[in-house]
Amino acid sequence: MVGDFAGVAISGSLPPGAPGDGYARIARIARAAAPGRSLPLLVDAYGPALAAVLGERPTVVKVNAAEAGEASGVPVVDIGSAV
């Protein structure tokens, strides 16, 4: 490992041509570089990149209503459906 880090924040769009699971790959690489540590993973993404990185069990996921609905398959139209 080069240097030391306390967590990983992933946000925004993947660059054109990047694999849809690019953020998930980054998460796996970061956690592998910190064996024996609980490495927080903070994610603000959408679409296929969000769907793929959810399998890595991020610590925090920031989504809006549309992104949450797309990722969960449950339309988010009010507080009840958001919960």
PDB file of N, CA and C in Angstrom:
ATOM      1  N   MET A   1       0.847  -1.176   0.000  1.00  0.00           N
ATOM      2  CA  MET A   1       0.000   0.000   0.000  1.00  0.00           C
ATOM      3  C   MET A   1       0.887   1.233   0.000  1.00  0.00           C
ATOM      4  N   VAL A   2       0.488   2.195  -0.779  1.00  0.00           N
ATOM      5  CA  VAL A   2       1.207   3.466  -0.829  1.00  0.00           C
ATOM      6  C   VAL A   2       0.432   4.460   0.021  1.00  0.00           C
ATOM      7  N   GLY A   3       1.037   4.991   1.053  1.00  0.00           N
ATOM      8  CA  GLY A   3       0.368   5.956   1.907  1.00  0.00           C
ATOM      9  C   GLY A   3      -0.643   5.296   2.830  1.00  0.00           C
ATOM     10  N   ASP A   4      -1.436   6.120   3.472  1.00  0.00           N
ATOM     11  CA  ASP A   4      -2.450   5.646   4.396  1.00  0.00           C
ATOM     12  C   ASP A   4      -3.732   6.405   4.115  1.00  0.00           C
ATOM     13  N   PHE A   5      -4.848   5.762   4.251  1.00  0.00           N
ATOM     14  CA  PHE A   5      -6.119   6.434   4.018  1.00  0.00           C
ATOM     15  C   PHE A   5      -7.146   5.911   5.004  1.00  0.00           C
ATOM     16  N   ALA A   6      -8.120   6.760   5.343  1.00  0.00           N
ATOM     17  CA  ALA A   6      -9.113   6.412   6.344  1.00  0.00           C
ATOM     18  C   ALA A   6     -10.426   5.956   5.743  1.00  0.00           C
ATOM     19  N   GLY A   7     -10.655   6.242   4.478  1.00  0.00           N
ATOM     20  CA  GLY A   7     -11.897   5.862   3.823  1.00  0.00           C
ATOM     21  C   GLY A   7     -11.821   6.196   2.355  1.00  0.00           C
ATOM     22  N   VAL A   8     -12.862   5.800   1.632  1.00  0.00           N
ATOM     23  CA  VAL A   8     -12.917   6.054   0.199  1.00  0.00           C
ATOM     24  C   VAL A   8     -14.268   6.677  -0.126  1.00  0.00           C
ATOM     25  N   ALA A   9     -14.240   7.786  -0.862  1.00  0.00           N
ATOM     26  CA  ALA A   9     -15.458   8.436  -1.349  1.00  0.00           C
ATOM     27  C   ALA A   9     -15.504   8.286  -2.864  1.00  0.00           C
ATOM     28  N   ILE A  10     -16.617   7.804  -3.357  1.00  0.00           N
ATOM     29  CA  ILE A  10     -16.815   7.591  -4.790  1.00  0.00           C
ATOM     30  C   ILE A  10     -18.054   8.383  -5.186  1.00  0.00           C
ATOM     31  N   SER A  11     -17.916   9.255  -6.178  1.00  0.00           N
ATOM     32  CA  SER A  11     -19.083  10.044  -6.575  1.00  0.00           C
ATOM     33  C   SER A  11     -19.017  10.425  -8.044  1.00  0.00           C
ATOM     34  N   GLY A  12     -20.185  10.746  -8.565  1.00  0.00           N
ATOM     35  CA  GLY A  12     -20.283  11.231  -9.935  1.00  0.00           C
ATOM     36  C   GLY A  12     -20.466  10.128 -10.951  1.00  0.00           C
ATOM     37  N   SER A  13     -20.213  10.472 -12.184  1.00  0.00           N
ATOM     38  CA  SER A  13     -20.379   9.549 -13.306  1.00  0.00           C
ATOM     39  C   SER A  13     -19.073   8.838 -13.599  1.00  0.00           C
ATOM     40  N   LEU A  14     -19.186   7.618 -14.073  1.00  0.00           N
ATOM     41  CA  LEU A  14     -17.999   6.928 -14.578  1.00  0.00           C
ATOM     42  C   LEU A  14     -17.622   7.570 -15.905  1.00  0.00           C
ATOM     43  N   PRO A  15     -16.359   7.609 -16.241  1.00  0.00           N
ATOM     44  CA  PRO A  15     -15.960   8.195 -17.525  1.00  0.00           C
ATOM     45  C   PRO A  15     -16.460   7.341 -18.697  1.00  0.00           C
ATOM     46  N   PRO A  16     -16.647   7.952 -19.861  1.00  0.00           N
ATOM     47  CA  PRO A  16     -17.085   7.185 -21.030  1.00  0.00           C
ATOM     48  C   PRO A  16     -16.147   6.005 -21.283  1.00  0.00           C
ATOM     49  N   GLY A  17     -16.748   4.853 -21.547  1.00  0.00           N
ATOM     50  CA  GLY A  17     -15.972   3.661 -21.837  1.00  0.00           C
ATOM     51  C   GLY A  17     -15.587   2.849 -20.616  1.00  0.00           C
ATOM     52  N   ALA A  18     -15.795   3.401 -19.425  1.00  0.00           N
ATOM     53  CA  ALA A  18     -15.461   2.659 -18.201  1.00  0.00           C
ATOM     54  C   ALA A  18     -16.469   1.529 -18.009  1.00  0.00           C
ATOM     55  N   PRO A  19     -16.053   0.427 -17.401  1.00  0.00           N
ATOM     56  CA  PRO A  19     -16.991  -0.669 -17.162  1.00  0.00           C
ATOM     57  C   PRO A  19     -18.062  -0.246 -16.155  1.00  0.00           C
ATOM     58  N   GLY A  20     -19.264  -0.771 -16.312  1.00  0.00           N
ATOM     59  CA  GLY A  20     -20.373  -0.427 -15.419  1.00  0.00           C
ATOM     60  C   GLY A  20     -20.108  -0.764 -13.973  1.00  0.00           C
ATOM     61  N   ASP A  21     -19.208  -1.714 -13.721  1.00  0.00           N
ATOM     62  CA  ASP A  21     -18.886  -2.073 -12.339  1.00  0.00           C
ATOM     63  C   ASP A  21     -17.593  -1.397 -11.866  1.00  0.00           C
ATOM     64  N   GLY A  22     -17.226  -0.310 -12.511  1.00  0.00           N
ATOM     65  CA  GLY A  22     -15.979   0.382 -12.173  1.00  0.00           C
ATOM     66  C   GLY A  22     -15.884   0.801 -10.721  1.00  0.00           C
ATOM     67  N   TYR A  23     -16.968   1.327 -10.162  1.00  0.00           N
ATOM     68  CA  TYR A  23     -16.925   1.747  -8.758  1.00  0.00           C
ATOM     69  C   TYR A  23     -16.824   0.543  -7.831  1.00  0.00           C
ATOM     70  N   ALA A  24     -17.472  -0.551  -8.179  1.00  0.00           N
ATOM     71  CA  ALA A  24     -17.365  -1.764  -7.369  1.00  0.00           C
ATOM     72  C   ALA A  24     -15.925  -2.261  -7.380  1.00  0.00           C
ATOM     73  N   ARG A  25     -15.276  -2.186  -8.535  1.00  0.00           N
ATOM     74  CA  ARG A  25     -13.871  -2.609  -8.627  1.00  0.00           C
ATOM     75  C   ARG A  25     -12.989  -1.729  -7.749  1.00  0.00           C
ATOM     76  N   ILE A  26     -13.232  -0.420  -7.787  1.00  0.00           N
ATOM     77  CA  ILE A  26     -12.461   0.508  -6.944  1.00  0.00           C
ATOM     78  C   ILE A  26     -12.650   0.159  -5.468  1.00  0.00           C
ATOM     79  N   ALA A  27     -13.878  -0.126  -5.072  1.00  0.00           N
ATOM     80  CA  ALA A  27     -14.162  -0.473  -3.679  1.00  0.00           C
ATOM     81  C   ALA A  27     -13.405  -1.727  -3.267  1.00  0.00           C
ATOM     82  N   ARG A  28     -13.406  -2.747  -4.119  1.00  0.00           N
ATOM     83  CA  ARG A  28     -12.702  -3.988  -3.798  1.00  0.00           C
ATOM     84  C   ARG A  28     -11.194  -3.753  -3.686  1.00  0.00           C
ATOM     85  N   ILE A  29     -10.647  -2.968  -4.602  1.00  0.00           N
ATOM     86  CA  ILE A  29      -9.212  -2.682  -4.571  1.00  0.00           C
ATOM     87  C   ILE A  29      -8.841  -1.927  -3.291  1.00  0.00           C
ATOM     88  N   ALA A  30      -9.653  -0.923  -2.931  1.00  0.00           N
ATOM     89  CA  ALA A  30      -9.363  -0.136  -1.731  1.00  0.00           C
ATOM     90  C   ALA A  30      -9.429  -0.998  -0.484  1.00  0.00           C
ATOM     91  N   ARG A  31     -10.437  -1.831  -0.391  1.00  0.00           N
ATOM     92  CA  ARG A  31     -10.564  -2.670   0.803  1.00  0.00           C
ATOM     93  C   ARG A  31      -9.452  -3.716   0.858  1.00  0.00           C
ATOM     94  N   ALA A  32      -9.041  -4.223  -0.281  1.00  0.00           N
ATOM     95  CA  ALA A  32      -7.930  -5.183  -0.303  1.00  0.00           C
ATOM     96  C   ALA A  32      -6.624  -4.529   0.128  1.00  0.00           C
ATOM     97  N   ALA A  33      -6.502  -3.218  -0.096  1.00  0.00           N
ATOM     98  CA  ALA A  33      -5.292  -2.490   0.282  1.00  0.00           C
ATOM     99  C   ALA A  33      -5.276  -2.137   1.764  1.00  0.00           C
ATOM    100  N   ALA A  34      -6.379  -2.421   2.462  1.00  0.00           N
ATOM    101  CA  ALA A  34      -6.476  -2.109   3.894  1.00  0.00           C
ATOM    102  C   ALA A  34      -6.888  -3.352   4.673  1.00  0.00           C
ATOM    103  N   PRO A  35      -6.122  -4.446   4.574  1.00  0.00           N
ATOM    104  CA  PRO A  35      -6.517  -5.683   5.254  1.00  0.00           C
ATOM    105  C   PRO A  35      -6.575  -5.499   6.765  1.00  0.00           C
ATOM    106  N   GLY A  36      -7.591  -6.108   7.351  1.00  0.00           N
ATOM    107  CA  GLY A  36      -7.730  -6.046   8.799  1.00  0.00           C
ATOM    108  C   GLY A  36      -8.347  -4.760   9.310  1.00  0.00           C
ATOM    109  N   ARG A  37      -8.673  -3.839   8.403  1.00  0.00           N
ATOM    110  CA  ARG A  37      -9.299  -2.579   8.809  1.00  0.00           C
ATOM    111  C   ARG A  37     -10.710  -2.498   8.249  1.00  0.00           C
ATOM    112  N   SER A  38     -11.548  -1.832   8.970  1.00  0.00           N
ATOM    113  CA  SER A  38     -12.891  -1.552   8.479  1.00  0.00           C
ATOM    114  C   SER A  38     -12.816  -0.235   7.715  1.00  0.00           C
ATOM    115  N   LEU A  39     -12.817  -0.308   6.406  1.00  0.00           N
ATOM    116  CA  LEU A  39     -12.623   0.869   5.574  1.00  0.00           C
ATOM    117  C   LEU A  39     -13.973   1.444   5.157  1.00  0.00           C
ATOM    118  N   PRO A  40     -14.336   2.644   5.625  1.00  0.00           N
ATOM    119  CA  PRO A  40     -15.598   3.241   5.212  1.00  0.00           C
ATOM    120  C   PRO A  40     -15.611   3.524   3.709  1.00  0.00           C
ATOM    121  N   LEU A  41     -16.733   3.207   3.081  1.00  0.00           N
ATOM    122  CA  LEU A  41     -16.933   3.453   1.663  1.00  0.00           C
ATOM    123  C   LEU A  41     -18.164   4.338   1.514  1.00  0.00           C
ATOM    124  N   LEU A  42     -17.973   5.546   0.990  1.00  0.00           N
ATOM    125  CA  LEU A  42     -19.040   6.522   0.810  1.00  0.00           C
ATOM    126  C   LEU A  42     -19.321   6.638  -0.681  1.00  0.00           C
ATOM    127  N   VAL A  43     -20.584   6.451  -1.086  1.00  0.00           N
ATOM    128  CA  VAL A  43     -20.927   6.393  -2.503  1.00  0.00           C
ATOM    129  C   VAL A  43     -22.041   7.365  -2.842  1.00  0.00           C
ATOM    130  N   ASP A  44     -21.835   8.124  -3.908  1.00  0.00           N
ATOM    131  CA  ASP A  44     -22.856   8.980  -4.504  1.00  0.00           C
ATOM    132  C   ASP A  44     -22.806   8.693  -5.999  1.00  0.00           C
ATOM    133  N   ALA A  45     -23.633   7.761  -6.447  1.00  0.00           N
ATOM    134  CA  ALA A  45     -23.610   7.324  -7.844  1.00  0.00           C
ATOM    135  C   ALA A  45     -25.030   6.999  -8.274  1.00  0.00           C
ATOM    136  N   TYR A  46     -25.177   6.576  -9.530  1.00  0.00           N
ATOM    137  CA  TYR A  46     -26.497   6.225 -10.041  1.00  0.00           C
ATOM    138  C   TYR A  46     -26.360   5.186 -11.149  1.00  0.00           C
ATOM    139  N   GLY A  47     -27.489   4.616 -11.521  1.00  0.00           N
ATOM    140  CA  GLY A  47     -27.535   3.677 -12.637  1.00  0.00           C
ATOM    141  C   GLY A  47     -26.763   2.399 -12.377  1.00  0.00           C
ATOM    142  N   PRO A  48     -26.204   1.812 -13.447  1.00  0.00           N
ATOM    143  CA  PRO A  48     -25.479   0.546 -13.310  1.00  0.00           C
ATOM    144  C   PRO A  48     -24.304   0.618 -12.331  1.00  0.00           C
ATOM    145  N   ALA A  49     -23.638   1.758 -12.264  1.00  0.00           N
ATOM    146  CA  ALA A  49     -22.511   1.902 -11.336  1.00  0.00           C
ATOM    147  C   ALA A  49     -22.999   1.778  -9.893  1.00  0.00           C
ATOM    148  N   LEU A  50     -24.137   2.391  -9.585  1.00  0.00           N
ATOM    149  CA  LEU A  50     -24.712   2.288  -8.239  1.00  0.00           C
ATOM    150  C   LEU A  50     -25.134   0.848  -7.962  1.00  0.00           C
ATOM    151  N   ALA A  51     -25.842   0.246  -8.903  1.00  0.00           N
ATOM    152  CA  ALA A  51     -26.301  -1.133  -8.706  1.00  0.00           C
ATOM    153  C   ALA A  51     -25.125  -2.064  -8.423  1.00  0.00           C
ATOM    154  N   ALA A  52     -24.034  -1.897  -9.144  1.00  0.00           N
ATOM    155  CA  ALA A  52     -22.874  -2.777  -8.969  1.00  0.00           C
ATOM    156  C   ALA A  52     -22.175  -2.538  -7.632  1.00  0.00           C
ATOM    157  N   VAL A  53     -22.022  -1.285  -7.233  1.00  0.00           N
ATOM    158  CA  VAL A  53     -21.277  -1.003  -5.998  1.00  0.00           C
ATOM    159  C   VAL A  53     -22.090  -1.363  -4.756  1.00  0.00           C
ATOM    160  N   LEU A  54     -23.405  -1.449  -4.856  1.00  0.00           N
ATOM    161  CA  LEU A  54     -24.203  -1.837  -3.690  1.00  0.00           C
ATOM    162  C   LEU A  54     -23.819  -3.224  -3.191  1.00  0.00           C
ATOM    163  N   GLY A  55     -23.366  -4.087  -4.085  1.00  0.00           N
ATOM    164  CA  GLY A  55     -22.912  -5.410  -3.678  1.00  0.00           C
ATOM    165  C   GLY A  55     -21.687  -5.381  -2.791  1.00  0.00           C
ATOM    166  N   GLU A  56     -20.981  -4.272  -2.781  1.00  0.00           N
ATOM    167  CA  GLU A  56     -19.793  -4.110  -1.922  1.00  0.00           C
ATOM    168  C   GLU A  56     -20.160  -3.587  -0.537  1.00  0.00           C
ATOM    169  N   ARG A  57     -21.448  -3.420  -0.290  1.00  0.00           N
ATOM    170  CA  ARG A  57     -21.971  -2.987   1.004  1.00  0.00           C
ATOM    171  C   ARG A  57     -21.324  -1.689   1.502  1.00  0.00           C
ATOM    172  N   PRO A  58     -21.528  -0.593   0.749  1.00  0.00           N
ATOM    173  CA  PRO A  58     -20.952   0.684   1.179  1.00  0.00           C
ATOM    174  C   PRO A  58     -21.478   1.109   2.546  1.00  0.00           C
ATOM    175  N   THR A  59     -20.687   1.904   3.234  1.00  0.00           N
ATOM    176  CA  THR A  59     -21.045   2.409   4.549  1.00  0.00           C
ATOM    177  C   THR A  59     -22.167   3.433   4.443  1.00  0.00           C
ATOM    178  N   VAL A  60     -22.052   4.332   3.472  1.00  0.00           N
ATOM    179  CA  VAL A  60     -23.050   5.374   3.236  1.00  0.00           C
ATOM    180  C   VAL A  60     -23.326   5.449   1.736  1.00  0.00           C
ATOM    181  N   VAL A  61     -24.622   5.524   1.394  1.00  0.00           N
ATOM    182  CA  VAL A  61     -25.020   5.712   0.003  1.00  0.00           C
ATOM    183  C   VAL A  61     -25.917   6.928  -0.042  1.00  0.00           C
ATOM    184  N   LYS A  62     -25.549   7.900  -0.879  1.00  0.00           N
ATOM    185  CA  LYS A  62     -26.356   9.108  -1.047  1.00  0.00           C
ATOM    186  C   LYS A  62     -27.067   8.991  -2.391  1.00  0.00           C
ATOM    187  N   VAL A  63     -28.392   8.952  -2.343  1.00  0.00           N
ATOM    188  CA  VAL A  63     -29.188   8.893  -3.571  1.00  0.00           C
ATOM    189  C   VAL A  63     -30.360   9.860  -3.461  1.00  0.00           C
ATOM    190  N   ASN A  64     -30.858  10.282  -4.610  1.00  0.00           N
ATOM    191  CA  ASN A  64     -32.100  11.042  -4.603  1.00  0.00           C
ATOM    192  C   ASN A  64     -33.253  10.061  -4.820  1.00  0.00           C
ATOM    193  N   ALA A  65     -34.481  10.558  -4.859  1.00  0.00           N
ATOM    194  CA  ALA A  65     -35.654   9.688  -4.967  1.00  0.00           C
ATOM    195  C   ALA A  65     -35.621   8.840  -6.233  1.00  0.00           C
ATOM    196  N   ALA A  66     -35.280   9.439  -7.356  1.00  0.00           N
ATOM    197  CA  ALA A  66     -35.253   8.689  -8.618  1.00  0.00           C
ATOM    198  C   ALA A  66     -34.195   7.591  -8.573  1.00  0.00           C
ATOM    199  N   GLU A  67     -33.009   7.900  -8.049  1.00  0.00           N
ATOM    200  CA  GLU A  67     -31.923   6.913  -7.962  1.00  0.00           C
ATOM    201  C   GLU A  67     -32.289   5.777  -7.010  1.00  0.00           C
ATOM    202  N   ALA A  68     -32.915   6.117  -5.883  1.00  0.00           N
ATOM    203  CA  ALA A  68     -33.336   5.095  -4.929  1.00  0.00           C
ATOM    204  C   ALA A  68     -34.381   4.179  -5.548  1.00  0.00           C
ATOM    205  N   GLY A  69     -35.329   4.764  -6.266  1.00  0.00           N
ATOM    206  CA  GLY A  69     -36.359   3.964  -6.915  1.00  0.00           C
ATOM    207  C   GLY A  69     -35.788   3.042  -7.969  1.00  0.00           C
ATOM    208  N   GLU A  70     -34.858   3.558  -8.759  1.00  0.00           N
ATOM    209  CA  GLU A  70     -34.233   2.734  -9.797  1.00  0.00           C
ATOM    210  C   GLU A  70     -33.427   1.594  -9.187  1.00  0.00           C
ATOM    211  N   ALA A  71     -32.688   1.877  -8.134  1.00  0.00           N
ATOM    212  CA  ALA A  71     -31.833   0.858  -7.510  1.00  0.00           C
ATOM    213  C   ALA A  71     -32.644  -0.198  -6.769  1.00  0.00           C
ATOM    214  N   SER A  72     -33.766   0.204  -6.183  1.00  0.00           N
ATOM    215  CA  SER A  72     -34.544  -0.723  -5.349  1.00  0.00           C
ATOM    216  C   SER A  72     -35.717  -1.360  -6.074  1.00  0.00           C
ATOM    217  N   GLY A  73     -36.142  -0.741  -7.179  1.00  0.00           N
ATOM    218  CA  GLY A  73     -37.331  -1.235  -7.867  1.00  0.00           C
ATOM    219  C   GLY A  73     -38.615  -0.764  -7.219  1.00  0.00           C
ATOM    220  N   VAL A  74     -38.509   0.109  -6.216  1.00  0.00           N
ATOM    221  CA  VAL A  74     -39.671   0.657  -5.519  1.00  0.00           C
ATOM    222  C   VAL A  74     -39.751   2.146  -5.825  1.00  0.00           C
ATOM    223  N   PRO A  75     -40.813   2.593  -6.509  1.00  0.00           N
ATOM    224  CA  PRO A  75     -40.921   4.027  -6.791  1.00  0.00           C
ATOM    225  C   PRO A  75     -40.961   4.841  -5.487  1.00  0.00           C
ATOM    226  N   VAL A  76     -40.149   5.869  -5.418  1.00  0.00           N
ATOM    227  CA  VAL A  76     -40.115   6.721  -4.225  1.00  0.00           C
ATOM    228  C   VAL A  76     -40.910   7.985  -4.552  1.00  0.00           C
ATOM    229  N   VAL A  77     -42.102   8.055  -3.949  1.00  0.00           N
ATOM    230  CA  VAL A  77     -42.999   9.179  -4.238  1.00  0.00           C
ATOM    231  C   VAL A  77     -43.362   9.975  -2.991  1.00  0.00           C
ATOM    232  N   ASP A  78     -43.036   9.418  -1.811  1.00  0.00           N
ATOM    233  CA  ASP A  78     -43.328  10.117  -0.570  1.00  0.00           C
ATOM    234  C   ASP A  78     -42.422   9.540   0.523  1.00  0.00           C
ATOM    235  N   ILE A  79     -42.570  10.056   1.744  1.00  0.00           N
ATOM    236  CA  ILE A  79     -41.704   9.613   2.836  1.00  0.00           C
ATOM    237  C   ILE A  79     -41.884   8.122   3.118  1.00  0.00           C
ATOM    238  N   GLY A  80     -43.104   7.646   3.070  1.00  0.00           N
ATOM    239  CA  GLY A  80     -43.368   6.223   3.339  1.00  0.00           C
ATOM    240  C   GLY A  80     -42.646   5.308   2.367  1.00  0.00           C
ATOM    241  N   SER A  81     -42.696   5.637   1.086  1.00  0.00           N
ATOM    242  CA  SER A  81     -42.028   4.777   0.105  1.00  0.00           C
ATOM    243  C   SER A  81     -40.512   4.945   0.178  1.00  0.00           C
ATOM    244  N   ALA A  82     -40.053   6.099   0.637  1.00  0.00           N
ATOM    245  CA  ALA A  82     -38.619   6.293   0.807  1.00  0.00           C
ATOM    246  C   ALA A  82     -38.077   5.404   1.915  1.00  0.00           C
ATOM    247  N   VAL A  83     -38.849   5.261   2.969  1.00  0.00           N
ATOM    248  CA  VAL A  83     -38.429   4.415   4.093  1.00  0.00           C
ATOM    249  C   VAL A  83     -38.414   2.967   3.642  1.00  0.00           C
TER     250      VAL A  83
END
